[in-house]
């Protein structure tokens, strides 16, 4: 079994990292990630849309007057 020196292992690890990041250095990837995070922060808060769950026995939101389970439940699936 051949022993690998510390420097060979370090070089091998650096080569693996470069291959993982597509030829970019870790510093380049970190810089791009930080720049992207700054762009996202500059946009402001993220607005989320909350969906209201309709109960099966609730009136259908389409306005037919029927219960949801008898009217539009199949269209929601």
PDB file of N, CA and C in Angstrom:
ATOM      1  N   UNK A   1       0.841  -1.174   0.000  1.00  0.00           N
ATOM      2  CA  UNK A   1       0.000   0.000   0.000  1.00  0.00           C
ATOM      3  C   UNK A   1       0.889   1.241   0.000  1.00  0.00           C
ATOM      4  N   UNK A   2       0.597   2.141  -0.913  1.00  0.00           N
ATOM      5  CA  UNK A   2       1.415   3.336  -1.038  1.00  0.00           C
ATOM      6  C   UNK A   2       0.880   4.426  -0.104  1.00  0.00           C
ATOM      7  N   UNK A   3       1.791   5.050   0.593  1.00  0.00           N
ATOM      8  CA  UNK A   3       1.392   6.129   1.492  1.00  0.00           C
ATOM      9  C   UNK A   3       1.340   7.433   0.715  1.00  0.00           C
ATOM     10  N   UNK A   4       0.390   8.265   1.060  1.00  0.00           N
ATOM     11  CA  UNK A   4       0.234   9.563   0.418  1.00  0.00           C
ATOM     12  C   UNK A   4       0.639  10.625   1.420  1.00  0.00           C
ATOM     13  N   UNK A   5       1.485  11.529   0.975  1.00  0.00           N
ATOM     14  CA  UNK A   5       1.924  12.576   1.885  1.00  0.00           C
ATOM     15  C   UNK A   5       0.803  13.579   2.109  1.00  0.00           C
ATOM     16  N   UNK A   6       0.972  14.412   3.119  1.00  0.00           N
ATOM     17  CA  UNK A   6      -0.016  15.432   3.452  1.00  0.00           C
ATOM     18  C   UNK A   6      -0.240  16.365   2.270  1.00  0.00           C
ATOM     19  N   UNK A   7       0.822  16.762   1.598  1.00  0.00           N
ATOM     20  CA  UNK A   7       0.693  17.709   0.485  1.00  0.00           C
ATOM     21  C   UNK A   7      -0.064  17.095  -0.681  1.00  0.00           C
ATOM     22  N   UNK A   8       0.162  15.817  -0.931  1.00  0.00           N
ATOM     23  CA  UNK A   8      -0.573  15.143  -2.005  1.00  0.00           C
ATOM     24  C   UNK A   8      -2.065  15.093  -1.668  1.00  0.00           C
ATOM     25  N   UNK A   9      -2.384  14.812  -0.422  1.00  0.00           N
ATOM     26  CA  UNK A   9      -3.790  14.765  -0.014  1.00  0.00           C
ATOM     27  C   UNK A   9      -4.425  16.142  -0.107  1.00  0.00           C
ATOM     28  N   UNK A  10      -3.694  17.165   0.295  1.00  0.00           N
ATOM     29  CA  UNK A  10      -4.202  18.529   0.228  1.00  0.00           C
ATOM     30  C   UNK A  10      -4.473  18.926  -1.231  1.00  0.00           C
ATOM     31  N   UNK A  11      -3.534  18.598  -2.101  1.00  0.00           N
ATOM     32  CA  UNK A  11      -3.708  18.908  -3.520  1.00  0.00           C
ATOM     33  C   UNK A  11      -4.894  18.144  -4.093  1.00  0.00           C
ATOM     34  N   UNK A  12      -5.018  16.894  -3.713  1.00  0.00           N
ATOM     35  CA  UNK A  12      -6.136  16.079  -4.180  1.00  0.00           C
ATOM     36  C   UNK A  12      -7.467  16.664  -3.705  1.00  0.00           C
ATOM     37  N   UNK A  13      -7.520  17.093  -2.466  1.00  0.00           N
ATOM     38  CA  UNK A  13      -8.742  17.685  -1.926  1.00  0.00           C
ATOM     39  C   UNK A  13      -9.083  18.979  -2.664  1.00  0.00           C
ATOM     40  N   UNK A  14      -8.085  19.807  -2.938  1.00  0.00           N
ATOM     41  CA  UNK A  14      -8.326  21.053  -3.669  1.00  0.00           C
ATOM     42  C   UNK A  14      -8.819  20.767  -5.085  1.00  0.00           C
ATOM     43  N   UNK A  15      -8.263  19.744  -5.710  1.00  0.00           N
ATOM     44  CA  UNK A  15      -8.687  19.370  -7.057  1.00  0.00           C
ATOM     45  C   UNK A  15     -10.145  18.891  -7.042  1.00  0.00           C
ATOM     46  N   UNK A  16     -10.514  18.129  -6.029  1.00  0.00           N
ATOM     47  CA  UNK A  16     -11.890  17.660  -5.912  1.00  0.00           C
ATOM     48  C   UNK A  16     -12.853  18.824  -5.735  1.00  0.00           C
ATOM     49  N   UNK A  17     -12.470  19.816  -4.925  1.00  0.00           N
ATOM     50  CA  UNK A  17     -13.315  20.989  -4.712  1.00  0.00           C
ATOM     51  C   UNK A  17     -13.468  21.764  -6.018  1.00  0.00           C
ATOM     52  N   UNK A  18     -12.380  21.937  -6.770  1.00  0.00           N
ATOM     53  CA  UNK A  18     -12.457  22.645  -8.056  1.00  0.00           C
ATOM     54  C   UNK A  18     -13.371  21.900  -9.025  1.00  0.00           C
ATOM     55  N   UNK A  19     -13.265  20.584  -9.053  1.00  0.00           N
ATOM     56  CA  UNK A  19     -14.124  19.795  -9.933  1.00  0.00           C
ATOM     57  C   UNK A  19     -15.581  19.919  -9.515  1.00  0.00           C
ATOM     58  N   UNK A  20     -15.840  19.926  -8.220  1.00  0.00           N
ATOM     59  CA  UNK A  20     -17.208  20.035  -7.712  1.00  0.00           C
ATOM     60  C   UNK A  20     -17.817  21.376  -8.095  1.00  0.00           C
ATOM     61  N   UNK A  21     -17.037  22.447  -8.029  1.00  0.00           N
ATOM     62  CA  UNK A  21     -17.538  23.786  -8.335  1.00  0.00           C
ATOM     63  C   UNK A  21     -17.361  24.151  -9.804  1.00  0.00           C
ATOM     64  N   UNK A  22     -17.112  23.207 -10.657  1.00  0.00           N
ATOM     65  CA  UNK A  22     -17.014  23.465 -12.087  1.00  0.00           C
ATOM     66  C   UNK A  22     -15.796  24.278 -12.480  1.00  0.00           C
ATOM     67  N   UNK A  23     -14.675  24.052 -11.853  1.00  0.00           N
ATOM     68  CA  UNK A  23     -13.449  24.758 -12.204  1.00  0.00           C
ATOM     69  C   UNK A  23     -13.263  26.072 -11.478  1.00  0.00           C
ATOM     70  N   UNK A  24     -14.250  26.488 -10.692  1.00  0.00           N
ATOM     71  CA  UNK A  24     -14.133  27.733  -9.942  1.00  0.00           C
ATOM     72  C   UNK A  24     -13.494  27.460  -8.592  1.00  0.00           C
ATOM     73  N   UNK A  25     -12.828  28.450  -8.072  1.00  0.00           N
ATOM     74  CA  UNK A  25     -12.268  28.305  -6.736  1.00  0.00           C
ATOM     75  C   UNK A  25     -13.363  28.524  -5.709  1.00  0.00           C
ATOM     76  N   UNK A  26     -13.106  28.085  -4.507  1.00  0.00           N
ATOM     77  CA  UNK A  26     -14.068  28.256  -3.425  1.00  0.00           C
ATOM     78  C   UNK A  26     -14.367  29.733  -3.206  1.00  0.00           C
ATOM     79  N   UNK A  27     -13.357  30.583  -3.316  1.00  0.00           N
ATOM     80  CA  UNK A  27     -13.544  32.015  -3.095  1.00  0.00           C
ATOM     81  C   UNK A  27     -14.466  32.619  -4.152  1.00  0.00           C
ATOM     82  N   UNK A  28     -14.328  32.173  -5.409  1.00  0.00           N
ATOM     83  CA  UNK A  28     -15.200  32.674  -6.468  1.00  0.00           C
ATOM     84  C   UNK A  28     -16.657  32.282  -6.218  1.00  0.00           C
ATOM     85  N   UNK A  29     -16.854  31.046  -5.813  1.00  0.00           N
ATOM     86  CA  UNK A  29     -18.205  30.569  -5.534  1.00  0.00           C
ATOM     87  C   UNK A  29     -18.790  31.327  -4.348  1.00  0.00           C
ATOM     88  N   UNK A  30     -17.993  31.513  -3.309  1.00  0.00           N
ATOM     89  CA  UNK A  30     -18.465  32.232  -2.128  1.00  0.00           C
ATOM     90  C   UNK A  30     -18.831  33.673  -2.483  1.00  0.00           C
ATOM     91  N   UNK A  31     -18.025  34.321  -3.324  1.00  0.00           N
ATOM     92  CA  UNK A  31     -18.293  35.694  -3.737  1.00  0.00           C
ATOM     93  C   UNK A  31     -19.619  35.766  -4.507  1.00  0.00           C
ATOM     94  N   UNK A  32     -19.834  34.828  -5.432  1.00  0.00           N
ATOM     95  CA  UNK A  32     -21.066  34.816  -6.213  1.00  0.00           C
ATOM     96  C   UNK A  32     -22.286  34.555  -5.331  1.00  0.00           C
ATOM     97  N   UNK A  33     -22.141  33.642  -4.368  1.00  0.00           N
ATOM     98  CA  UNK A  33     -23.251  33.350  -3.462  1.00  0.00           C
ATOM     99  C   UNK A  33     -23.593  34.569  -2.612  1.00  0.00           C
ATOM    100  N   UNK A  34     -22.588  35.253  -2.101  1.00  0.00           N
ATOM    101  CA  UNK A  34     -22.836  36.452  -1.302  1.00  0.00           C
ATOM    102  C   UNK A  34     -23.468  37.557  -2.140  1.00  0.00           C
ATOM    103  N   UNK A  35     -23.025  37.707  -3.384  1.00  0.00           N
ATOM    104  CA  UNK A  35     -23.614  38.716  -4.270  1.00  0.00           C
ATOM    105  C   UNK A  35     -25.079  38.395  -4.543  1.00  0.00           C
ATOM    106  N   UNK A  36     -25.378  37.124  -4.746  1.00  0.00           N
ATOM    107  CA  UNK A  36     -26.770  36.714  -4.988  1.00  0.00           C
ATOM    108  C   UNK A  36     -27.632  36.958  -3.757  1.00  0.00           C
ATOM    109  N   UNK A  37     -27.114  36.670  -2.575  1.00  0.00           N
ATOM    110  CA  UNK A  37     -27.859  36.924  -1.338  1.00  0.00           C
ATOM    111  C   UNK A  37     -28.119  38.409  -1.159  1.00  0.00           C
ATOM    112  N   UNK A  38     -27.143  39.255  -1.505  1.00  0.00           N
ATOM    113  CA  UNK A  38     -27.325  40.702  -1.412  1.00  0.00           C
ATOM    114  C   UNK A  38     -28.419  41.172  -2.366  1.00  0.00           C
ATOM    115  N   UNK A  39     -28.459  40.601  -3.582  1.00  0.00           N
ATOM    116  CA  UNK A  39     -29.512  40.956  -4.536  1.00  0.00           C
ATOM    117  C   UNK A  39     -30.890  40.621  -3.976  1.00  0.00           C
ATOM    118  N   UNK A  40     -31.003  39.453  -3.377  1.00  0.00           N
ATOM    119  CA  UNK A  40     -32.286  39.018  -2.829  1.00  0.00           C
ATOM    120  C   UNK A  40     -32.698  39.920  -1.673  1.00  0.00           C
ATOM    121  N   UNK A  41     -31.755  40.297  -0.809  1.00  0.00           N
ATOM    122  CA  UNK A  41     -32.067  41.185   0.315  1.00  0.00           C
ATOM    123  C   UNK A  41     -32.506  42.563  -0.159  1.00  0.00           C
ATOM    124  N   UNK A  42     -31.920  43.056  -1.271  1.00  0.00           N
ATOM    125  CA  UNK A  42     -32.266  44.375  -1.789  1.00  0.00           C
ATOM    126  C   UNK A  42     -33.685  44.429  -2.336  1.00  0.00           C
ATOM    127  N   UNK A  43     -34.206  43.299  -2.766  1.00  0.00           N
ATOM    128  CA  UNK A  43     -35.570  43.273  -3.308  1.00  0.00           C
ATOM    129  C   UNK A  43     -36.615  43.586  -2.245  1.00  0.00           C
ATOM    130  N   UNK A  44     -36.306  43.334  -1.009  1.00  0.00           N
ATOM    131  CA  UNK A  44     -37.258  43.590   0.063  1.00  0.00           C
ATOM    132  C   UNK A  44     -37.885  42.295   0.553  1.00  0.00           C
ATOM    133  N   UNK A  45     -38.884  42.438   1.393  1.00  0.00           N
ATOM    134  CA  UNK A  45     -39.493  41.242   1.972  1.00  0.00           C
ATOM    135  C   UNK A  45     -40.237  40.422   0.927  1.00  0.00           C
ATOM    136  N   UNK A  46     -40.282  39.148   1.157  1.00  0.00           N
ATOM    137  CA  UNK A  46     -40.971  38.230   0.264  1.00  0.00           C
ATOM    138  C   UNK A  46     -42.421  38.132   0.729  1.00  0.00           C
ATOM    139  N   UNK A  47     -43.336  38.274  -0.206  1.00  0.00           N
ATOM    140  CA  UNK A  47     -44.754  38.175   0.120  1.00  0.00           C
ATOM    141  C   UNK A  47     -45.209  36.750  -0.156  1.00  0.00           C
ATOM    142  N   UNK A  48     -45.872  36.171   0.812  1.00  0.00           N
ATOM    143  CA  UNK A  48     -46.368  34.815   0.639  1.00  0.00           C
ATOM    144  C   UNK A  48     -47.873  34.847   0.442  1.00  0.00           C
ATOM    145  N   UNK A  49     -48.345  33.900  -0.301  1.00  0.00           N
ATOM    146  CA  UNK A  49     -49.786  33.779  -0.532  1.00  0.00           C
ATOM    147  C   UNK A  49     -50.281  32.630   0.333  1.00  0.00           C
ATOM    148  N   UNK A  50     -51.236  32.944   1.173  1.00  0.00           N
ATOM    149  CA  UNK A  50     -51.819  31.920   2.036  1.00  0.00           C
ATOM    150  C   UNK A  50     -53.117  31.435   1.396  1.00  0.00           C
ATOM    151  N   UNK A  51     -53.195  30.145   1.217  1.00  0.00           N
ATOM    152  CA  UNK A  51     -54.407  29.558   0.653  1.00  0.00           C
ATOM    153  C   UNK A  51     -55.327  29.156   1.786  1.00  0.00           C
ATOM    154  N   UNK A  52     -56.585  29.450   1.622  1.00  0.00           N
ATOM    155  CA  UNK A  52     -57.579  29.057   2.614  1.00  0.00           C
ATOM    156  C   UNK A  52     -58.106  27.697   2.215  1.00  0.00           C
ATOM    157  N   UNK A  53     -58.059  26.767   3.147  1.00  0.00           N
ATOM    158  CA  UNK A  53     -58.562  25.436   2.862  1.00  0.00           C
ATOM    159  C   UNK A  53     -60.079  25.454   2.969  1.00  0.00           C
ATOM    160  N   UNK A  54     -60.702  24.919   1.946  1.00  0.00           N
ATOM    161  CA  UNK A  54     -62.159  24.879   1.908  1.00  0.00           C
ATOM    162  C   UNK A  54     -62.609  23.542   2.470  1.00  0.00           C
ATOM    163  N   UNK A  55     -63.489  23.577   3.413  1.00  0.00           N
ATOM    164  CA  UNK A  55     -64.022  22.347   3.991  1.00  0.00           C
ATOM    165  C   UNK A  55     -64.965  21.653   3.020  1.00  0.00           C
ATOM    166  N   UNK A  56     -65.075  20.354   3.128  1.00  0.00           N
ATOM    167  CA  UNK A  56     -65.927  19.588   2.214  1.00  0.00           C
ATOM    168  C   UNK A  56     -67.391  20.000   2.322  1.00  0.00           C
ATOM    169  N   UNK A  57     -67.840  20.337   3.519  1.00  0.00           N
ATOM    170  CA  UNK A  57     -69.251  20.675   3.732  1.00  0.00           C
ATOM    171  C   UNK A  57     -69.517  22.173   3.664  1.00  0.00           C
ATOM    172  N   UNK A  58     -68.515  22.951   3.318  1.00  0.00           N
ATOM    173  CA  UNK A  58     -68.693  24.403   3.188  1.00  0.00           C
ATOM    174  C   UNK A  58     -69.388  24.705   1.860  1.00  0.00           C
ATOM    175  N   UNK A  59     -70.048  25.852   1.774  1.00  0.00           N
ATOM    176  CA  UNK A  59     -70.642  26.219   0.490  1.00  0.00           C
ATOM    177  C   UNK A  59     -69.547  26.386  -0.569  1.00  0.00           C
ATOM    178  N   UNK A  60     -69.848  26.004  -1.778  1.00  0.00           N
ATOM    179  CA  UNK A  60     -68.857  26.066  -2.851  1.00  0.00           C
ATOM    180  C   UNK A  60     -68.526  27.522  -3.180  1.00  0.00           C
ATOM    181  N   UNK A  61     -67.234  27.841  -3.355  1.00  0.00           N
ATOM    182  CA  UNK A  61     -66.852  29.228  -3.649  1.00  0.00           C
ATOM    183  C   UNK A  61     -67.261  29.689  -5.055  1.00  0.00           C
ATOM    184  N   UNK A  62     -67.708  28.774  -5.909  1.00  0.00           N
ATOM    185  CA  UNK A  62     -68.109  29.181  -7.265  1.00  0.00           C
ATOM    186  C   UNK A  62     -69.457  29.890  -7.268  1.00  0.00           C
ATOM    187  N   UNK A  63     -70.189  29.803  -6.148  1.00  0.00           N
ATOM    188  CA  UNK A  63     -71.464  30.516  -6.033  1.00  0.00           C
ATOM    189  C   UNK A  63     -72.670  29.714  -6.481  1.00  0.00           C
ATOM    190  N   UNK A  64     -72.514  28.411  -6.667  1.00  0.00           N
ATOM    191  CA  UNK A  64     -73.636  27.595  -7.135  1.00  0.00           C
ATOM    192  C   UNK A  64     -74.667  27.339  -6.033  1.00  0.00           C
ATOM    193  N   UNK A  65     -74.265  27.509  -4.777  1.00  0.00           N
ATOM    194  CA  UNK A  65     -75.167  27.230  -3.664  1.00  0.00           C
ATOM    195  C   UNK A  65     -75.079  25.799  -3.175  1.00  0.00           C
ATOM    196  N   UNK A  66     -74.355  24.952  -3.899  1.00  0.00           N
ATOM    197  CA  UNK A  66     -74.178  23.564  -3.471  1.00  0.00           C
ATOM    198  C   UNK A  66     -73.025  23.478  -2.482  1.00  0.00           C
ATOM    199  N   UNK A  67     -72.944  22.326  -1.802  1.00  0.00           N
ATOM    200  CA  UNK A  67     -71.790  22.076  -0.957  1.00  0.00           C
ATOM    201  C   UNK A  67     -70.573  21.824  -1.852  1.00  0.00           C
ATOM    202  N   UNK A  68     -69.415  22.164  -1.322  1.00  0.00           N
ATOM    203  CA  UNK A  68     -68.170  22.014  -2.082  1.00  0.00           C
ATOM    204  C   UNK A  68     -67.959  20.574  -2.529  1.00  0.00           C
ATOM    205  N   UNK A  69     -68.297  19.597  -1.667  1.00  0.00           N
ATOM    206  CA  UNK A  69     -68.056  18.195  -2.006  1.00  0.00           C
ATOM    207  C   UNK A  69     -68.947  17.709  -3.153  1.00  0.00           C
ATOM    208  N   UNK A  70     -70.079  18.380  -3.389  1.00  0.00           N
ATOM    209  CA  UNK A  70     -70.984  17.976  -4.469  1.00  0.00           C
ATOM    210  C   UNK A  70     -70.748  18.771  -5.754  1.00  0.00           C
ATOM    211  N   UNK A  71     -69.934  19.830  -5.674  1.00  0.00           N
ATOM    212  CA  UNK A  71     -69.799  20.719  -6.819  1.00  0.00           C
ATOM    213  C   UNK A  71     -68.401  20.680  -7.435  1.00  0.00           C
ATOM    214  N   UNK A  72     -67.431  21.338  -6.835  1.00  0.00           N
ATOM    215  CA  UNK A  72     -66.135  21.579  -7.473  1.00  0.00           C
ATOM    216  C   UNK A  72     -64.965  20.832  -6.854  1.00  0.00           C
ATOM    217  N   UNK A  73     -65.179  19.898  -5.951  1.00  0.00           N
ATOM    218  CA  UNK A  73     -64.059  19.233  -5.272  1.00  0.00           C
ATOM    219  C   UNK A  73     -63.187  18.464  -6.268  1.00  0.00           C
ATOM    220  N   UNK A  74     -63.785  17.884  -7.305  1.00  0.00           N
ATOM    221  CA  UNK A  74     -63.009  17.120  -8.295  1.00  0.00           C
ATOM    222  C   UNK A  74     -62.114  18.030  -9.132  1.00  0.00           C
ATOM    223  N   UNK A  75     -62.529  19.284  -9.345  1.00  0.00           N
ATOM    224  CA  UNK A  75     -61.717  20.219 -10.112  1.00  0.00           C
ATOM    225  C   UNK A  75     -60.478  20.667  -9.340  1.00  0.00           C
ATOM    226  N   UNK A  76     -60.533  20.628  -8.011  1.00  0.00           N
ATOM    227  CA  UNK A  76     -59.407  21.069  -7.168  1.00  0.00           C
ATOM    228  C   UNK A  76     -58.322  20.004  -7.091  1.00  0.00           C
ATOM    229  N   UNK A  77     -58.619  18.770  -7.375  1.00  0.00           N
ATOM    230  CA  UNK A  77     -57.643  17.672  -7.251  1.00  0.00           C
ATOM    231  C   UNK A  77     -56.778  17.564  -8.438  1.00  0.00           C
TER     232      UNK A  77
END
